[in-house]
Amino acid sequence: MNIIVFGAAGAVGRRAVDEALSRGHQVTAVIRQPEQAKLFQASVRVEFADVLGSNGLEELLVGQGLVISALRPPAGWEQLLVPMTEKILRAAAACCVRVMVVGGAASLKLKNKDTTVLTEPGFLPEHLLPIATACQAQYELCLKDNKADWTYQTPPAMLEPGVRTGQYRLGGDVMLADTGGQSRISMEDFAVALLDEAEQIRHRRKRYSVAY
């Protein structure tokens, strides 16, 4: 499959690229800075684009079978997440290409509660509220979109660099936790789940969550 990854230089994006390559897919990495090209193997096709500033995203999608949007704006610019995601969705819809959106955990409900990660008082540290709020709005954007063929993959509370085990559990709208009460997954296994969904298509126009 031909897969194009936006936000390919980010922590999740790089792992998605590596996981896709390990499965024999042809990968295009979309980045903003020329120096980021050294992050990728020679077999990766590299394209430079500013998602918000580009009027030619559709050109990048020609011949692609899947878009992965792993975009994350830097601190202080979290409000750009929604318009960037909207541009990806529009381009994917125009080109009839599936799009997988790497989302955030903000909209997940807490177990046995009516509140979510974002709305539960004191659950999130203050410095995470801007990106959590942006991820909530991003998910709502996807829910309203009836043109793009989207899937929204939600991480658990903790998504950190780690080890690829190939193991994970699938969930829905409630945050998953392990037997010790921890809600976590490595970025490597998050990428495994992402590519499993890319190949198996189990959640069309739906959100699902992953965790150990």
N, C-alpha and C. Protein backbone atom coordinates (compact mmCIF):
# COMPACT_ATOMS: atom_id res chain seq x y z
N MET A 1 0.84 -1.19 0.00
CA MET A 1 0.00 0.00 0.00
C MET A 1 0.88 1.25 0.00
N ASN A 2 0.46 2.25 -0.73
CA ASN A 2 1.14 3.54 -0.69
C ASN A 2 0.55 4.37 0.45
N ILE A 3 1.39 4.76 1.40
CA ILE A 3 0.94 5.47 2.60
C ILE A 3 1.69 6.79 2.70
N ILE A 4 0.95 7.87 2.92
CA ILE A 4 1.56 9.18 3.12
C ILE A 4 1.31 9.61 4.55
N VAL A 5 2.37 10.05 5.23
CA VAL A 5 2.30 10.42 6.64
C VAL A 5 2.57 11.90 6.81
N PHE A 6 1.59 12.63 7.30
CA PHE A 6 1.76 14.03 7.65
C PHE A 6 2.16 14.11 9.12
N GLY A 7 3.11 15.00 9.42
CA GLY A 7 3.66 15.02 10.76
C GLY A 7 4.66 13.90 10.95
N ALA A 8 5.31 13.50 9.87
CA ALA A 8 6.18 12.33 9.88
C ALA A 8 7.43 12.52 10.73
N ALA A 9 7.81 13.76 11.01
CA ALA A 9 9.00 14.00 11.82
C ALA A 9 8.71 13.98 13.31
N GLY A 10 7.44 13.90 13.68
CA GLY A 10 7.06 13.86 15.08
C GLY A 10 7.28 12.49 15.69
N ALA A 11 7.10 12.40 16.99
CA ALA A 11 7.38 11.16 17.71
C ALA A 11 6.51 10.01 17.22
N VAL A 12 5.22 10.23 17.08
CA VAL A 12 4.33 9.18 16.58
C VAL A 12 4.49 9.00 15.08
N GLY A 13 4.64 10.09 14.37
CA GLY A 13 4.79 10.02 12.92
C GLY A 13 5.98 9.19 12.49
N ARG A 14 7.12 9.38 13.14
CA ARG A 14 8.32 8.60 12.79
C ARG A 14 8.09 7.12 13.02
N ARG A 15 7.43 6.79 14.11
CA ARG A 15 7.18 5.39 14.40
C ARG A 15 6.17 4.78 13.44
N ALA A 16 5.22 5.59 12.99
CA ALA A 16 4.27 5.11 11.99
C ALA A 16 4.99 4.83 10.67
N VAL A 17 5.93 5.69 10.31
CA VAL A 17 6.73 5.48 9.10
C VAL A 17 7.51 4.18 9.22
N ASP A 18 8.19 3.99 10.34
CA ASP A 18 9.01 2.78 10.53
C ASP A 18 8.16 1.51 10.52
N GLU A 19 7.00 1.56 11.16
CA GLU A 19 6.13 0.40 11.22
C GLU A 19 5.61 0.05 9.82
N ALA A 20 5.22 1.08 9.07
CA ALA A 20 4.73 0.86 7.71
C ALA A 20 5.82 0.26 6.83
N LEU A 21 7.04 0.75 6.95
CA LEU A 21 8.15 0.22 6.16
C LEU A 21 8.42 -1.24 6.51
N SER A 22 8.34 -1.56 7.79
CA SER A 22 8.64 -2.94 8.23
C SER A 22 7.63 -3.93 7.67
N ARG A 23 6.47 -3.43 7.24
CA ARG A 23 5.42 -4.30 6.68
C ARG A 23 5.43 -4.29 5.15
N GLY A 24 6.41 -3.61 4.58
CA GLY A 24 6.54 -3.62 3.13
C GLY A 24 5.76 -2.56 2.39
N HIS A 25 5.20 -1.59 3.09
CA HIS A 25 4.45 -0.53 2.43
C HIS A 25 5.40 0.51 1.84
N GLN A 26 4.92 1.22 0.84
CA GLN A 26 5.66 2.34 0.25
C GLN A 26 5.24 3.61 0.99
N VAL A 27 6.21 4.33 1.55
CA VAL A 27 5.88 5.43 2.45
C VAL A 27 6.40 6.76 1.94
N THR A 28 5.52 7.76 2.01
CA THR A 28 5.89 9.15 1.75
C THR A 28 5.80 9.91 3.06
N ALA A 29 6.86 10.58 3.45
CA ALA A 29 6.90 11.35 4.69
C ALA A 29 6.80 12.84 4.34
N VAL A 30 5.81 13.50 4.91
CA VAL A 30 5.63 14.93 4.68
C VAL A 30 6.19 15.68 5.88
N ILE A 31 7.15 16.56 5.62
CA ILE A 31 7.81 17.32 6.68
C ILE A 31 7.88 18.79 6.29
N ARG A 32 8.24 19.63 7.25
CA ARG A 32 8.32 21.07 7.00
C ARG A 32 9.75 21.57 6.84
N GLN A 33 10.69 20.95 7.55
CA GLN A 33 12.06 21.44 7.57
C GLN A 33 13.00 20.48 6.82
N PRO A 34 13.85 21.00 5.92
CA PRO A 34 14.76 20.14 5.15
C PRO A 34 15.64 19.26 6.02
N GLU A 35 16.09 19.77 7.18
CA GLU A 35 16.99 18.99 8.03
C GLU A 35 16.31 17.76 8.61
N GLN A 36 14.97 17.72 8.57
CA GLN A 36 14.26 16.55 9.09
C GLN A 36 14.34 15.35 8.16
N ALA A 37 14.77 15.57 6.94
CA ALA A 37 14.85 14.48 5.97
C ALA A 37 15.82 13.39 6.40
N LYS A 38 16.82 13.75 7.20
CA LYS A 38 17.82 12.77 7.63
C LYS A 38 17.25 11.76 8.62
N LEU A 39 16.03 11.99 9.09
CA LEU A 39 15.40 11.07 10.03
C LEU A 39 14.95 9.78 9.38
N PHE A 40 14.88 9.77 8.04
CA PHE A 40 14.23 8.67 7.35
C PHE A 40 15.19 7.84 6.50
N GLN A 41 14.83 6.58 6.31
CA GLN A 41 15.60 5.69 5.45
C GLN A 41 15.53 6.17 4.01
N ALA A 42 16.50 5.71 3.22
CA ALA A 42 16.58 6.13 1.82
C ALA A 42 15.36 5.69 1.02
N SER A 43 14.69 4.63 1.47
CA SER A 43 13.53 4.13 0.74
C SER A 43 12.28 4.99 0.93
N VAL A 44 12.33 5.93 1.87
CA VAL A 44 11.18 6.81 2.14
C VAL A 44 11.21 8.00 1.20
N ARG A 45 10.11 8.23 0.52
CA ARG A 45 9.96 9.42 -0.31
C ARG A 45 9.63 10.60 0.61
N VAL A 46 10.38 11.66 0.50
CA VAL A 46 10.20 12.82 1.38
C VAL A 46 9.61 13.99 0.60
N GLU A 47 8.57 14.58 1.14
CA GLU A 47 7.95 15.76 0.55
C GLU A 47 7.91 16.87 1.60
N PHE A 48 8.08 18.10 1.12
CA PHE A 48 8.05 19.25 2.02
C PHE A 48 6.74 20.01 1.80
N ALA A 49 6.03 20.27 2.91
CA ALA A 49 4.77 21.00 2.79
C ALA A 49 4.39 21.62 4.13
N ASP A 50 3.86 22.81 4.07
CA ASP A 50 3.24 23.47 5.21
C ASP A 50 1.74 23.26 5.03
N VAL A 51 1.14 22.42 5.85
CA VAL A 51 -0.26 22.01 5.63
C VAL A 51 -1.18 23.22 5.53
N LEU A 52 -1.05 24.17 6.43
CA LEU A 52 -1.93 25.33 6.40
C LEU A 52 -1.61 26.29 5.27
N GLY A 53 -0.35 26.34 4.87
CA GLY A 53 0.05 27.29 3.85
C GLY A 53 0.03 26.73 2.44
N SER A 54 -0.27 25.45 2.32
CA SER A 54 -0.23 24.81 1.01
C SER A 54 -1.61 24.73 0.38
N ASN A 55 -1.68 25.03 -0.91
CA ASN A 55 -2.91 24.87 -1.67
C ASN A 55 -2.89 23.63 -2.55
N GLY A 56 -1.82 22.84 -2.41
CA GLY A 56 -1.67 21.70 -3.30
C GLY A 56 -1.58 20.36 -2.59
N LEU A 57 -2.28 20.22 -1.47
CA LEU A 57 -2.22 18.95 -0.76
C LEU A 57 -2.74 17.80 -1.61
N GLU A 58 -3.75 18.08 -2.44
CA GLU A 58 -4.31 17.02 -3.28
C GLU A 58 -3.26 16.42 -4.19
N GLU A 59 -2.31 17.24 -4.65
CA GLU A 59 -1.26 16.73 -5.53
C GLU A 59 -0.40 15.68 -4.81
N LEU A 60 -0.21 15.87 -3.50
CA LEU A 60 0.59 14.92 -2.73
C LEU A 60 -0.13 13.59 -2.56
N LEU A 61 -1.45 13.61 -2.67
CA LEU A 61 -2.23 12.41 -2.41
C LEU A 61 -2.47 11.54 -3.65
N VAL A 62 -2.05 12.03 -4.80
CA VAL A 62 -2.22 11.25 -6.03
C VAL A 62 -1.44 9.93 -5.91
N GLY A 63 -2.14 8.83 -6.12
CA GLY A 63 -1.50 7.52 -6.06
C GLY A 63 -1.39 6.93 -4.67
N GLN A 64 -1.87 7.65 -3.65
CA GLN A 64 -1.79 7.15 -2.29
C GLN A 64 -3.01 6.30 -1.94
N GLY A 65 -2.80 5.28 -1.11
CA GLY A 65 -3.91 4.45 -0.66
C GLY A 65 -4.39 4.79 0.73
N LEU A 66 -3.57 5.55 1.48
CA LEU A 66 -3.91 5.90 2.85
C LEU A 66 -3.16 7.15 3.28
N VAL A 67 -3.86 8.01 4.00
CA VAL A 67 -3.23 9.17 4.64
C VAL A 67 -3.20 8.90 6.14
N ILE A 68 -2.06 9.13 6.77
CA ILE A 68 -1.97 9.13 8.23
C ILE A 68 -1.66 10.55 8.65
N SER A 69 -2.54 11.13 9.46
CA SER A 69 -2.32 12.48 9.97
C SER A 69 -1.85 12.37 11.41
N ALA A 70 -0.54 12.57 11.61
CA ALA A 70 0.05 12.53 12.95
C ALA A 70 0.52 13.93 13.34
N LEU A 71 -0.22 14.93 12.89
CA LEU A 71 0.16 16.32 13.11
C LEU A 71 -0.02 16.71 14.57
N ARG A 72 0.95 17.45 15.10
CA ARG A 72 0.86 18.03 16.44
C ARG A 72 1.55 19.38 16.41
N PRO A 73 0.82 20.48 16.58
CA PRO A 73 1.44 21.79 16.58
C PRO A 73 2.29 21.99 17.83
N PRO A 74 3.28 22.86 17.76
CA PRO A 74 4.13 23.10 18.94
C PRO A 74 3.36 23.82 20.05
N ALA A 75 3.92 23.81 21.23
CA ALA A 75 3.31 24.48 22.38
C ALA A 75 3.07 25.95 22.06
N GLY A 76 1.91 26.43 22.38
CA GLY A 76 1.54 27.80 22.09
C GLY A 76 0.76 27.96 20.81
N TRP A 77 0.75 26.89 19.98
CA TRP A 77 0.05 26.93 18.70
C TRP A 77 -0.98 25.80 18.59
N GLU A 78 -1.43 25.32 19.71
CA GLU A 78 -2.34 24.18 19.73
C GLU A 78 -3.62 24.42 18.93
N GLN A 79 -4.03 25.68 18.86
CA GLN A 79 -5.28 26.00 18.14
C GLN A 79 -5.20 25.70 16.65
N LEU A 80 -4.00 25.45 16.14
CA LEU A 80 -3.84 25.15 14.72
C LEU A 80 -4.20 23.69 14.39
N LEU A 81 -4.36 22.87 15.42
CA LEU A 81 -4.61 21.45 15.16
C LEU A 81 -5.89 21.23 14.37
N VAL A 82 -6.94 21.96 14.70
CA VAL A 82 -8.22 21.77 14.00
C VAL A 82 -8.15 22.20 12.54
N PRO A 83 -7.66 23.42 12.23
CA PRO A 83 -7.59 23.78 10.81
C PRO A 83 -6.64 22.89 10.01
N MET A 84 -5.56 22.41 10.62
CA MET A 84 -4.67 21.50 9.90
C MET A 84 -5.38 20.18 9.60
N THR A 85 -6.09 19.66 10.59
CA THR A 85 -6.82 18.41 10.38
C THR A 85 -7.92 18.59 9.34
N GLU A 86 -8.57 19.75 9.36
CA GLU A 86 -9.63 20.01 8.39
C GLU A 86 -9.09 20.01 6.97
N LYS A 87 -7.90 20.58 6.78
CA LYS A 87 -7.31 20.58 5.44
C LYS A 87 -6.97 19.17 4.97
N ILE A 88 -6.48 18.36 5.89
CA ILE A 88 -6.17 16.97 5.54
C ILE A 88 -7.45 16.22 5.16
N LEU A 89 -8.50 16.40 5.95
CA LEU A 89 -9.77 15.72 5.66
C LEU A 89 -10.33 16.14 4.31
N ARG A 90 -10.28 17.42 4.01
CA ARG A 90 -10.80 17.92 2.74
C ARG A 90 -10.02 17.37 1.56
N ALA A 91 -8.69 17.37 1.68
CA ALA A 91 -7.86 16.86 0.59
C ALA A 91 -8.09 15.36 0.39
N ALA A 92 -8.20 14.62 1.49
CA ALA A 92 -8.42 13.19 1.39
C ALA A 92 -9.77 12.89 0.76
N ALA A 93 -10.79 13.66 1.15
CA ALA A 93 -12.12 13.47 0.57
C ALA A 93 -12.11 13.76 -0.92
N ALA A 94 -11.42 14.83 -1.31
CA ALA A 94 -11.36 15.21 -2.72
C ALA A 94 -10.67 14.15 -3.56
N CYS A 95 -9.72 13.44 -2.95
CA CYS A 95 -8.96 12.42 -3.69
C CYS A 95 -9.45 11.00 -3.43
N CYS A 96 -10.52 10.89 -2.63
CA CYS A 96 -11.09 9.57 -2.31
C CYS A 96 -10.05 8.64 -1.69
N VAL A 97 -9.29 9.17 -0.74
CA VAL A 97 -8.26 8.41 -0.03
C VAL A 97 -8.64 8.31 1.44
N ARG A 98 -8.53 7.13 1.99
CA ARG A 98 -8.78 6.96 3.42
C ARG A 98 -7.79 7.79 4.24
N VAL A 99 -8.26 8.25 5.41
CA VAL A 99 -7.37 9.02 6.28
C VAL A 99 -7.52 8.52 7.71
N MET A 100 -6.37 8.26 8.33
CA MET A 100 -6.34 7.90 9.74
C MET A 100 -5.79 9.07 10.53
N VAL A 101 -6.56 9.50 11.52
CA VAL A 101 -6.18 10.66 12.34
C VAL A 101 -5.66 10.17 13.68
N VAL A 102 -4.44 10.56 14.00
CA VAL A 102 -3.89 10.28 15.33
C VAL A 102 -4.46 11.33 16.27
N GLY A 103 -5.34 10.91 17.15
CA GLY A 103 -6.03 11.83 18.02
C GLY A 103 -5.42 11.93 19.40
N GLY A 104 -6.20 12.51 20.31
CA GLY A 104 -5.78 12.64 21.70
C GLY A 104 -6.82 11.99 22.60
N ALA A 105 -6.47 11.83 23.86
CA ALA A 105 -7.34 11.13 24.81
C ALA A 105 -8.38 12.02 25.46
N ALA A 106 -8.39 13.30 25.13
CA ALA A 106 -9.23 14.28 25.83
C ALA A 106 -10.69 13.88 25.90
N SER A 107 -11.22 13.29 24.84
CA SER A 107 -12.65 13.00 24.76
C SER A 107 -13.05 11.67 25.38
N LEU A 108 -12.08 10.87 25.85
CA LEU A 108 -12.40 9.59 26.45
C LEU A 108 -13.06 9.76 27.81
N LYS A 109 -14.08 8.96 28.06
CA LYS A 109 -14.75 8.98 29.36
C LYS A 109 -13.90 8.22 30.38
N LEU A 110 -13.99 8.66 31.61
CA LEU A 110 -13.33 7.95 32.69
C LEU A 110 -14.24 6.84 33.18
N LYS A 111 -13.66 5.72 33.58
CA LYS A 111 -14.44 4.56 33.97
C LYS A 111 -15.39 4.87 35.12
N ASN A 112 -16.64 4.47 34.94
CA ASN A 112 -17.69 4.65 35.95
C ASN A 112 -17.99 6.11 36.26
N LYS A 113 -17.68 6.99 35.31
CA LYS A 113 -17.96 8.41 35.49
C LYS A 113 -18.59 8.98 34.23
N ASP A 114 -19.24 10.13 34.39
CA ASP A 114 -19.81 10.81 33.24
C ASP A 114 -18.85 11.84 32.67
N THR A 115 -17.76 12.06 33.36
CA THR A 115 -16.77 13.05 32.91
C THR A 115 -15.74 12.41 31.99
N THR A 116 -15.02 13.26 31.28
CA THR A 116 -13.97 12.82 30.37
C THR A 116 -12.61 13.25 30.88
N VAL A 117 -11.60 12.82 30.16
CA VAL A 117 -10.23 13.23 30.50
C VAL A 117 -10.14 14.75 30.57
N LEU A 118 -10.82 15.43 29.66
CA LEU A 118 -10.76 16.89 29.62
C LEU A 118 -11.63 17.54 30.69
N THR A 119 -12.80 16.97 30.96
CA THR A 119 -13.75 17.65 31.84
C THR A 119 -13.64 17.25 33.32
N GLU A 120 -12.96 16.16 33.64
CA GLU A 120 -12.79 15.76 35.04
C GLU A 120 -11.89 16.76 35.76
N PRO A 121 -12.41 17.40 36.80
CA PRO A 121 -11.61 18.41 37.52
C PRO A 121 -10.29 17.84 38.05
N GLY A 122 -9.20 18.52 37.73
CA GLY A 122 -7.90 18.14 38.25
C GLY A 122 -7.25 16.94 37.61
N PHE A 123 -7.89 16.33 36.62
CA PHE A 123 -7.30 15.13 36.03
C PHE A 123 -6.06 15.47 35.21
N LEU A 124 -6.14 16.53 34.44
CA LEU A 124 -5.01 16.92 33.59
C LEU A 124 -4.19 18.05 34.23
N PRO A 125 -2.87 17.98 34.10
CA PRO A 125 -2.04 19.11 34.52
C PRO A 125 -2.39 20.34 33.68
N GLU A 126 -2.21 21.50 34.26
CA GLU A 126 -2.58 22.75 33.60
C GLU A 126 -1.91 22.90 32.23
N HIS A 127 -0.66 22.47 32.12
CA HIS A 127 0.07 22.69 30.87
C HIS A 127 -0.44 21.81 29.73
N LEU A 128 -1.23 20.77 30.05
CA LEU A 128 -1.76 19.91 29.00
C LEU A 128 -3.16 20.32 28.54
N LEU A 129 -3.76 21.26 29.21
CA LEU A 129 -5.12 21.67 28.85
C LEU A 129 -5.24 22.23 27.44
N PRO A 130 -4.28 23.04 26.95
CA PRO A 130 -4.41 23.57 25.58
C PRO A 130 -4.44 22.48 24.51
N ILE A 131 -3.54 21.50 24.58
CA ILE A 131 -3.54 20.46 23.55
C ILE A 131 -4.73 19.53 23.74
N ALA A 132 -5.14 19.29 24.99
CA ALA A 132 -6.32 18.45 25.22
C ALA A 132 -7.57 19.10 24.66
N THR A 133 -7.69 20.41 24.85
CA THR A 133 -8.83 21.14 24.31
C THR A 133 -8.82 21.09 22.79
N ALA A 134 -7.65 21.21 22.20
CA ALA A 134 -7.52 21.15 20.74
C ALA A 134 -7.89 19.75 20.22
N CYS A 135 -7.48 18.71 20.94
CA CYS A 135 -7.79 17.34 20.52
C CYS A 135 -9.29 17.06 20.64
N GLN A 136 -9.93 17.61 21.65
CA GLN A 136 -11.38 17.48 21.77
C GLN A 136 -12.06 18.09 20.55
N ALA A 137 -11.62 19.30 20.17
CA ALA A 137 -12.19 19.97 19.00
C ALA A 137 -11.88 19.20 17.72
N GLN A 138 -10.71 18.60 17.66
CA GLN A 138 -10.34 17.79 16.49
C GLN A 138 -11.27 16.60 16.33
N TYR A 139 -11.56 15.93 17.43
CA TYR A 139 -12.47 14.77 17.38
C TYR A 139 -13.87 15.21 16.96
N GLU A 140 -14.35 16.32 17.49
CA GLU A 140 -15.66 16.84 17.11
C GLU A 140 -15.71 17.19 15.63
N LEU A 141 -14.59 17.71 15.10
CA LEU A 141 -14.50 18.00 13.67
C LEU A 141 -14.70 16.72 12.86
N CYS A 142 -14.04 15.64 13.26
CA CYS A 142 -14.17 14.37 12.54
C CYS A 142 -15.61 13.85 12.60
N LEU A 143 -16.23 13.96 13.77
CA LEU A 143 -17.60 13.48 13.91
C LEU A 143 -18.56 14.18 12.96
N LYS A 144 -18.30 15.45 12.70
CA LYS A 144 -19.18 16.23 11.83
C LYS A 144 -18.89 16.01 10.36
N ASP A 145 -17.73 15.43 10.06
CA ASP A 145 -17.33 15.25 8.66
C ASP A 145 -18.01 14.03 8.06
N ASN A 146 -18.77 14.24 7.00
CA ASN A 146 -19.45 13.11 6.33
C ASN A 146 -18.96 12.91 4.90
N LYS A 147 -17.83 13.51 4.59
CA LYS A 147 -17.27 13.36 3.24
C LYS A 147 -16.01 12.51 3.22
N ALA A 148 -15.12 12.76 4.18
CA ALA A 148 -13.87 12.00 4.22
C ALA A 148 -14.11 10.61 4.81
N ASP A 149 -13.31 9.65 4.37
CA ASP A 149 -13.35 8.28 4.88
C ASP A 149 -12.31 8.22 6.00
N TRP A 150 -12.71 8.67 7.20
CA TRP A 150 -11.77 8.85 8.30
C TRP A 150 -11.89 7.76 9.36
N THR A 151 -10.80 7.59 10.10
CA THR A 151 -10.76 6.77 11.31
C THR A 151 -9.93 7.54 12.33
N TYR A 152 -10.36 7.53 13.59
CA TYR A 152 -9.71 8.32 14.64
C TYR A 152 -9.17 7.39 15.71
N GLN A 153 -7.85 7.30 15.83
CA GLN A 153 -7.23 6.43 16.83
C GLN A 153 -6.83 7.24 18.05
N THR A 154 -7.34 6.83 19.21
CA THR A 154 -7.14 7.57 20.45
C THR A 154 -6.15 6.85 21.36
N PRO A 155 -5.16 7.55 21.88
CA PRO A 155 -4.21 6.94 22.80
C PRO A 155 -4.78 6.89 24.22
N PRO A 156 -4.13 6.16 25.12
CA PRO A 156 -4.50 6.20 26.53
C PRO A 156 -3.93 7.44 27.21
N ALA A 157 -3.97 7.46 28.53
CA ALA A 157 -3.48 8.63 29.27
C ALA A 157 -2.00 8.86 29.03
N MET A 158 -1.23 7.78 28.97
CA MET A 158 0.22 7.91 28.79
C MET A 158 0.64 7.28 27.47
N LEU A 159 1.26 8.09 26.63
CA LEU A 159 1.79 7.64 25.34
C LEU A 159 3.24 8.10 25.28
N GLU A 160 4.15 7.17 25.49
CA GLU A 160 5.56 7.51 25.61
C GLU A 160 6.43 6.57 24.78
N PRO A 161 7.65 7.02 24.43
CA PRO A 161 8.59 6.13 23.74
C PRO A 161 8.84 4.88 24.58
N GLY A 162 8.99 3.76 23.91
CA GLY A 162 9.19 2.51 24.65
C GLY A 162 9.62 1.38 23.75
N VAL A 163 9.04 0.22 23.97
CA VAL A 163 9.40 -1.01 23.26
C VAL A 163 8.23 -1.48 22.42
N ARG A 164 8.54 -2.02 21.24
CA ARG A 164 7.51 -2.62 20.41
C ARG A 164 7.28 -4.05 20.84
N THR A 165 6.13 -4.33 21.42
CA THR A 165 5.79 -5.70 21.82
C THR A 165 4.81 -6.34 20.84
N GLY A 166 4.11 -5.50 20.06
CA GLY A 166 3.08 -6.00 19.16
C GLY A 166 1.77 -6.30 19.86
N GLN A 167 1.70 -5.96 21.16
CA GLN A 167 0.51 -6.25 21.95
C GLN A 167 -0.23 -4.96 22.29
N TYR A 168 -1.55 -5.04 22.30
CA TYR A 168 -2.39 -3.92 22.73
C TYR A 168 -3.82 -4.40 22.82
N ARG A 169 -4.66 -3.60 23.46
CA ARG A 169 -6.09 -3.89 23.51
C ARG A 169 -6.85 -2.77 22.82
N LEU A 170 -7.97 -3.13 22.23
CA LEU A 170 -8.84 -2.14 21.59
C LEU A 170 -9.98 -1.78 22.53
N GLY A 171 -10.35 -0.50 22.53
CA GLY A 171 -11.47 -0.03 23.31
C GLY A 171 -12.31 0.95 22.52
N GLY A 172 -13.25 1.55 23.20
CA GLY A 172 -14.15 2.49 22.55
C GLY A 172 -14.05 3.87 23.15
N ASP A 173 -15.13 4.32 23.81
CA ASP A 173 -15.19 5.69 24.32
C ASP A 173 -14.72 5.82 25.75
N VAL A 174 -14.44 4.71 26.42
CA VAL A 174 -13.99 4.75 27.81
C VAL A 174 -12.49 4.46 27.86
N MET A 175 -11.76 5.25 28.65
CA MET A 175 -10.32 5.08 28.74
C MET A 175 -9.96 3.70 29.28
N LEU A 176 -9.11 2.99 28.56
CA LEU A 176 -8.64 1.68 28.99
C LEU A 176 -7.53 1.81 30.02
N ALA A 177 -7.50 0.87 30.95
CA ALA A 177 -6.42 0.81 31.94
C ALA A 177 -6.07 -0.65 32.16
N ASP A 178 -4.82 -0.91 32.57
CA ASP A 178 -4.40 -2.28 32.83
C ASP A 178 -4.82 -2.70 34.23
N THR A 179 -4.44 -3.90 34.64
CA THR A 179 -4.85 -4.42 35.95
C THR A 179 -4.29 -3.60 37.10
N GLY A 180 -3.23 -2.86 36.84
CA GLY A 180 -2.65 -2.00 37.87
C GLY A 180 -3.25 -0.61 37.88
N GLY A 181 -4.23 -0.39 37.01
CA GLY A 181 -4.88 0.91 36.97
C GLY A 181 -4.20 1.92 36.08
N GLN A 182 -3.13 1.51 35.39
CA GLN A 182 -2.42 2.44 34.51
C GLN A 182 -3.02 2.42 33.10
N SER A 183 -3.16 3.59 32.53
CA SER A 183 -3.65 3.75 31.16
C SER A 183 -2.47 4.19 30.31
N ARG A 184 -1.90 3.24 29.58
CA ARG A 184 -0.65 3.56 28.90
C ARG A 184 -0.43 2.66 27.69
N ILE A 185 0.47 3.09 26.81
CA ILE A 185 0.97 2.28 25.71
C ILE A 185 2.23 2.95 25.19
N SER A 186 3.13 2.17 24.65
CA SER A 186 4.33 2.75 24.04
C SER A 186 3.96 3.32 22.67
N MET A 187 4.71 4.31 22.24
CA MET A 187 4.49 4.87 20.91
C MET A 187 4.70 3.81 19.84
N GLU A 188 5.60 2.88 20.10
CA GLU A 188 5.87 1.81 19.14
C GLU A 188 4.64 0.91 18.94
N ASP A 189 4.00 0.53 20.05
CA ASP A 189 2.81 -0.31 19.93
C ASP A 189 1.59 0.49 19.47
N PHE A 190 1.59 1.77 19.75
CA PHE A 190 0.53 2.63 19.21
C PHE A 190 0.61 2.63 17.68
N ALA A 191 1.84 2.64 17.14
CA ALA A 191 2.03 2.57 15.70
C ALA A 191 1.63 1.21 15.14
N VAL A 192 1.86 0.16 15.91
CA VAL A 192 1.42 -1.18 15.50
C VAL A 192 -0.09 -1.19 15.32
N ALA A 193 -0.81 -0.65 16.30
CA ALA A 193 -2.27 -0.59 16.22
C ALA A 193 -2.72 0.25 15.03
N LEU A 194 -2.00 1.32 14.78
CA LEU A 194 -2.33 2.21 13.67
C LEU A 194 -2.23 1.48 12.34
N LEU A 195 -1.15 0.73 12.15
CA LEU A 195 -0.97 0.01 10.88
C LEU A 195 -1.87 -1.23 10.80
N ASP A 196 -2.18 -1.83 11.93
CA ASP A 196 -3.15 -2.93 11.90
C ASP A 196 -4.50 -2.43 11.38
N GLU A 197 -4.92 -1.27 11.87
CA GLU A 197 -6.18 -0.69 11.41
C GLU A 197 -6.08 -0.30 9.94
N ALA A 198 -4.94 0.21 9.54
CA ALA A 198 -4.75 0.60 8.14
C ALA A 198 -4.95 -0.60 7.21
N GLU A 199 -4.49 -1.75 7.65
CA GLU A 199 -4.55 -2.94 6.81
C GLU A 199 -5.89 -3.69 6.92
N GLN A 200 -6.56 -3.56 8.07
CA GLN A 200 -7.75 -4.38 8.30
C GLN A 200 -9.06 -3.60 8.22
N ILE A 201 -9.02 -2.29 8.36
CA ILE A 201 -10.19 -1.40 8.24
C ILE A 201 -11.36 -1.90 9.10
N ARG A 202 -11.23 -1.77 10.40
CA ARG A 202 -12.28 -2.21 11.32
C ARG A 202 -13.13 -1.06 11.87
N HIS A 203 -12.68 0.17 11.70
CA HIS A 203 -13.37 1.30 12.33
C HIS A 203 -13.55 2.45 11.33
N ARG A 204 -14.37 2.23 10.35
CA ARG A 204 -14.59 3.25 9.32
C ARG A 204 -15.52 4.33 9.87
N ARG A 205 -15.07 5.59 9.76
CA ARG A 205 -15.79 6.74 10.31
C ARG A 205 -16.16 6.53 11.78
N LYS A 206 -15.19 6.00 12.52
CA LYS A 206 -15.37 5.76 13.94
C LYS A 206 -14.09 6.11 14.70
N ARG A 207 -14.27 6.31 16.00
CA ARG A 207 -13.13 6.45 16.91
C ARG A 207 -12.95 5.15 17.67
N TYR A 208 -11.72 4.77 17.94
CA TYR A 208 -11.44 3.66 18.82
C TYR A 208 -10.21 4.03 19.64
N SER A 209 -10.05 3.38 20.76
CA SER A 209 -8.91 3.66 21.62
C SER A 209 -8.04 2.43 21.74
N VAL A 210 -6.78 2.63 22.07
CA VAL A 210 -5.84 1.53 22.26
C VAL A 210 -5.04 1.74 23.55
N ALA A 211 -4.69 0.64 24.19
CA ALA A 211 -3.88 0.68 25.41
C ALA A 211 -3.45 -0.74 25.73
N TYR A 212 -2.58 -0.88 26.70
CA TYR A 212 -2.19 -2.22 27.17
C TYR A 212 -3.31 -2.76 28.06
